Amino acid sequence: VDANQAKLLMDDSFSRSLNGGTDRVVLEPERPVPCWQEGQVTICVATGVVCRNAQQTAGGGDNISAAALAVQI
């Protein structure tokens, strides 16, 4: 992957709730898939890298997304 041709469509942090006073989750290169507990549920957010200048597409859709997620986890 040419990093100069890729773009991350996400801010460097995000809030876990619309309600004020909640912690923000910061995206860090050392921890690319942040996870946290909400009761008995573990929530993980994996970002996706997008090509800025696609030369050709494969039409793999969700299969490609799942493959990218599997590598990060």
N, C-alpha and C. Protein backbone atom coordinates (compact mmCIF):
# COMPACT_ATOMS: atom_id res chain seq x y z
N VAL A 1 0.85 -1.18 0.00
CA VAL A 1 0.00 0.00 0.00
C VAL A 1 0.88 1.23 0.00
N ASP A 2 0.65 2.12 -0.95
CA ASP A 2 1.36 3.40 -1.00
C ASP A 2 0.64 4.36 -0.07
N ALA A 3 1.26 4.70 1.06
CA ALA A 3 0.63 5.56 2.07
C ALA A 3 0.28 6.93 1.51
N ASN A 4 0.99 7.39 0.50
CA ASN A 4 0.68 8.70 -0.10
C ASN A 4 -0.61 8.66 -0.92
N GLN A 5 -1.05 7.47 -1.31
CA GLN A 5 -2.28 7.32 -2.09
C GLN A 5 -3.46 6.87 -1.24
N ALA A 6 -3.26 6.78 0.08
CA ALA A 6 -4.31 6.30 0.97
C ALA A 6 -4.79 7.43 1.88
N LYS A 7 -6.02 7.30 2.34
CA LYS A 7 -6.60 8.30 3.24
C LYS A 7 -7.43 7.57 4.29
N LEU A 8 -7.32 8.02 5.53
CA LEU A 8 -8.11 7.47 6.62
C LEU A 8 -9.31 8.38 6.82
N LEU A 9 -10.51 7.83 6.66
CA LEU A 9 -11.73 8.64 6.77
C LEU A 9 -12.26 8.63 8.20
N MET A 10 -11.46 9.15 9.12
CA MET A 10 -11.87 9.21 10.51
C MET A 10 -11.01 10.24 11.23
N ASP A 11 -11.59 10.91 12.20
CA ASP A 11 -10.83 11.85 13.01
C ASP A 11 -9.84 11.09 13.88
N ASP A 12 -8.95 11.82 14.56
CA ASP A 12 -7.97 11.16 15.42
C ASP A 12 -8.56 10.69 16.75
N SER A 13 -9.80 11.09 17.03
CA SER A 13 -10.50 10.61 18.23
C SER A 13 -12.00 10.77 18.03
N PHE A 14 -12.78 10.08 18.87
CA PHE A 14 -14.23 10.21 18.79
C PHE A 14 -14.83 9.98 20.17
N SER A 15 -16.03 10.52 20.37
CA SER A 15 -16.74 10.35 21.63
C SER A 15 -17.53 9.05 21.60
N ARG A 16 -17.62 8.38 22.74
CA ARG A 16 -18.36 7.13 22.82
C ARG A 16 -19.85 7.35 22.98
N SER A 17 -20.29 8.60 23.15
CA SER A 17 -21.71 8.87 23.37
C SER A 17 -22.05 10.27 22.89
N LEU A 18 -23.32 10.49 22.57
CA LEU A 18 -23.80 11.83 22.24
C LEU A 18 -23.95 12.68 23.50
N ASN A 19 -24.06 12.02 24.66
CA ASN A 19 -24.18 12.72 25.93
C ASN A 19 -22.84 13.31 26.34
N GLY A 20 -22.85 14.49 26.92
CA GLY A 20 -21.62 15.12 27.36
C GLY A 20 -20.98 14.38 28.53
N GLY A 21 -19.70 14.64 28.75
CA GLY A 21 -19.01 14.06 29.89
C GLY A 21 -18.49 12.65 29.69
N THR A 22 -18.58 12.11 28.50
CA THR A 22 -18.06 10.76 28.26
C THR A 22 -16.63 10.84 27.75
N ASP A 23 -15.89 9.76 27.95
CA ASP A 23 -14.51 9.70 27.49
C ASP A 23 -14.46 9.69 25.97
N ARG A 24 -13.35 10.22 25.44
CA ARG A 24 -13.09 10.13 24.01
C ARG A 24 -12.16 8.95 23.77
N VAL A 25 -12.35 8.28 22.66
CA VAL A 25 -11.47 7.19 22.25
C VAL A 25 -10.49 7.78 21.26
N VAL A 26 -9.21 7.67 21.57
CA VAL A 26 -8.16 8.22 20.72
C VAL A 26 -7.59 7.09 19.86
N LEU A 27 -7.48 7.33 18.56
CA LEU A 27 -6.89 6.34 17.65
C LEU A 27 -5.37 6.49 17.68
N GLU A 28 -4.69 5.41 18.00
CA GLU A 28 -3.23 5.43 18.11
C GLU A 28 -2.64 4.37 17.18
N PRO A 29 -1.52 4.67 16.51
CA PRO A 29 -0.90 3.69 15.61
C PRO A 29 -0.54 2.39 16.31
N GLU A 30 -0.17 2.47 17.61
CA GLU A 30 0.21 1.28 18.35
C GLU A 30 -1.01 0.42 18.71
N ARG A 31 -2.19 1.01 18.64
CA ARG A 31 -3.44 0.31 18.99
C ARG A 31 -4.48 0.67 17.93
N PRO A 32 -4.36 0.10 16.73
CA PRO A 32 -5.20 0.53 15.61
C PRO A 32 -6.68 0.16 15.72
N VAL A 33 -7.02 -0.80 16.58
CA VAL A 33 -8.42 -1.19 16.77
C VAL A 33 -8.77 -1.01 18.24
N PRO A 34 -9.23 0.19 18.62
CA PRO A 34 -9.57 0.40 20.03
C PRO A 34 -10.83 -0.37 20.41
N CYS A 35 -10.83 -0.93 21.63
CA CYS A 35 -11.98 -1.67 22.15
C CYS A 35 -12.28 -1.19 23.57
N TRP A 36 -13.54 -1.29 23.97
CA TRP A 36 -13.94 -0.95 25.33
C TRP A 36 -15.17 -1.76 25.70
N GLN A 37 -15.43 -1.82 26.99
CA GLN A 37 -16.57 -2.57 27.50
C GLN A 37 -17.76 -1.65 27.73
N GLU A 38 -18.93 -2.09 27.34
CA GLU A 38 -20.20 -1.43 27.65
C GLU A 38 -21.08 -2.51 28.26
N GLY A 39 -21.09 -2.60 29.58
CA GLY A 39 -21.81 -3.68 30.24
C GLY A 39 -21.13 -5.00 29.92
N GLN A 40 -21.88 -5.94 29.37
CA GLN A 40 -21.32 -7.25 29.01
C GLN A 40 -20.89 -7.32 27.54
N VAL A 41 -20.89 -6.19 26.86
CA VAL A 41 -20.57 -6.15 25.44
C VAL A 41 -19.22 -5.47 25.23
N THR A 42 -18.36 -6.08 24.43
CA THR A 42 -17.10 -5.45 24.02
C THR A 42 -17.31 -4.81 22.66
N ILE A 43 -16.99 -3.52 22.56
CA ILE A 43 -17.15 -2.79 21.31
C ILE A 43 -15.77 -2.46 20.77
N CYS A 44 -15.54 -2.75 19.49
CA CYS A 44 -14.27 -2.44 18.82
C CYS A 44 -14.57 -1.65 17.55
N VAL A 45 -13.73 -0.67 17.26
CA VAL A 45 -13.89 0.13 16.04
C VAL A 45 -12.62 -0.02 15.21
N ALA A 46 -12.78 -0.52 14.00
CA ALA A 46 -11.66 -0.66 13.08
C ALA A 46 -11.84 0.33 11.93
N THR A 47 -10.85 1.15 11.72
CA THR A 47 -10.92 2.13 10.64
C THR A 47 -10.58 1.46 9.31
N GLY A 48 -11.02 2.04 8.24
CA GLY A 48 -10.72 1.52 6.92
C GLY A 48 -9.93 2.55 6.12
N VAL A 49 -8.91 2.11 5.45
CA VAL A 49 -8.10 2.99 4.61
C VAL A 49 -8.72 3.02 3.22
N VAL A 50 -8.82 4.22 2.64
CA VAL A 50 -9.45 4.40 1.34
C VAL A 50 -8.41 4.93 0.35
N CYS A 51 -8.42 4.39 -0.85
CA CYS A 51 -7.51 4.84 -1.90
C CYS A 51 -7.96 6.20 -2.42
N ARG A 52 -7.03 7.15 -2.54
CA ARG A 52 -7.35 8.49 -3.04
C ARG A 52 -7.54 8.51 -4.55
N ASN A 53 -6.86 7.62 -5.25
CA ASN A 53 -6.87 7.63 -6.71
C ASN A 53 -6.94 6.19 -7.23
N ALA A 54 -8.12 5.61 -7.21
CA ALA A 54 -8.27 4.20 -7.61
C ALA A 54 -7.99 4.03 -9.10
N GLN A 55 -7.18 3.05 -9.43
CA GLN A 55 -6.88 2.72 -10.82
C GLN A 55 -7.82 1.64 -11.33
N GLN A 56 -8.25 0.77 -10.41
CA GLN A 56 -9.12 -0.34 -10.78
C GLN A 56 -9.82 -0.82 -9.51
N THR A 57 -11.05 -1.27 -9.63
CA THR A 57 -11.77 -1.79 -8.47
C THR A 57 -12.11 -3.26 -8.70
N ALA A 58 -12.33 -3.98 -7.59
CA ALA A 58 -12.59 -5.41 -7.69
C ALA A 58 -14.05 -5.76 -7.44
N GLY A 59 -14.79 -4.88 -6.80
CA GLY A 59 -16.19 -5.19 -6.50
C GLY A 59 -16.34 -6.23 -5.41
N GLY A 60 -15.36 -6.33 -4.50
CA GLY A 60 -15.41 -7.33 -3.43
C GLY A 60 -16.26 -6.91 -2.25
N GLY A 61 -16.53 -5.63 -2.12
CA GLY A 61 -17.41 -5.12 -1.08
C GLY A 61 -17.09 -5.60 0.32
N ASP A 62 -18.07 -6.23 0.96
CA ASP A 62 -17.92 -6.66 2.35
C ASP A 62 -16.81 -7.68 2.54
N ASN A 63 -16.53 -8.49 1.54
CA ASN A 63 -15.44 -9.46 1.67
C ASN A 63 -14.10 -8.77 1.86
N ILE A 64 -13.88 -7.69 1.13
CA ILE A 64 -12.63 -6.94 1.27
C ILE A 64 -12.60 -6.26 2.63
N SER A 65 -13.71 -5.68 3.05
CA SER A 65 -13.77 -5.03 4.37
C SER A 65 -13.47 -6.04 5.47
N ALA A 66 -14.06 -7.22 5.40
CA ALA A 66 -13.84 -8.25 6.41
C ALA A 66 -12.39 -8.71 6.42
N ALA A 67 -11.79 -8.83 5.25
CA ALA A 67 -10.40 -9.26 5.17
C ALA A 67 -9.48 -8.22 5.80
N ALA A 68 -9.76 -6.94 5.57
CA ALA A 68 -8.96 -5.87 6.16
C ALA A 68 -9.11 -5.88 7.68
N LEU A 69 -10.31 -6.09 8.17
CA LEU A 69 -10.56 -6.14 9.60
C LEU A 69 -9.84 -7.33 10.23
N ALA A 70 -9.88 -8.47 9.58
CA ALA A 70 -9.24 -9.67 10.13
C ALA A 70 -7.75 -9.48 10.33
N VAL A 71 -7.09 -8.75 9.43
CA VAL A 71 -5.66 -8.50 9.54
C VAL A 71 -5.37 -7.60 10.73
N GLN A 72 -6.25 -6.63 11.01
CA GLN A 72 -6.01 -5.69 12.10
C GLN A 72 -6.23 -6.30 13.47
N ILE A 73 -7.10 -7.30 13.55
CA ILE A 73 -7.41 -7.89 14.86
C ILE A 73 -6.47 -8.98 15.17
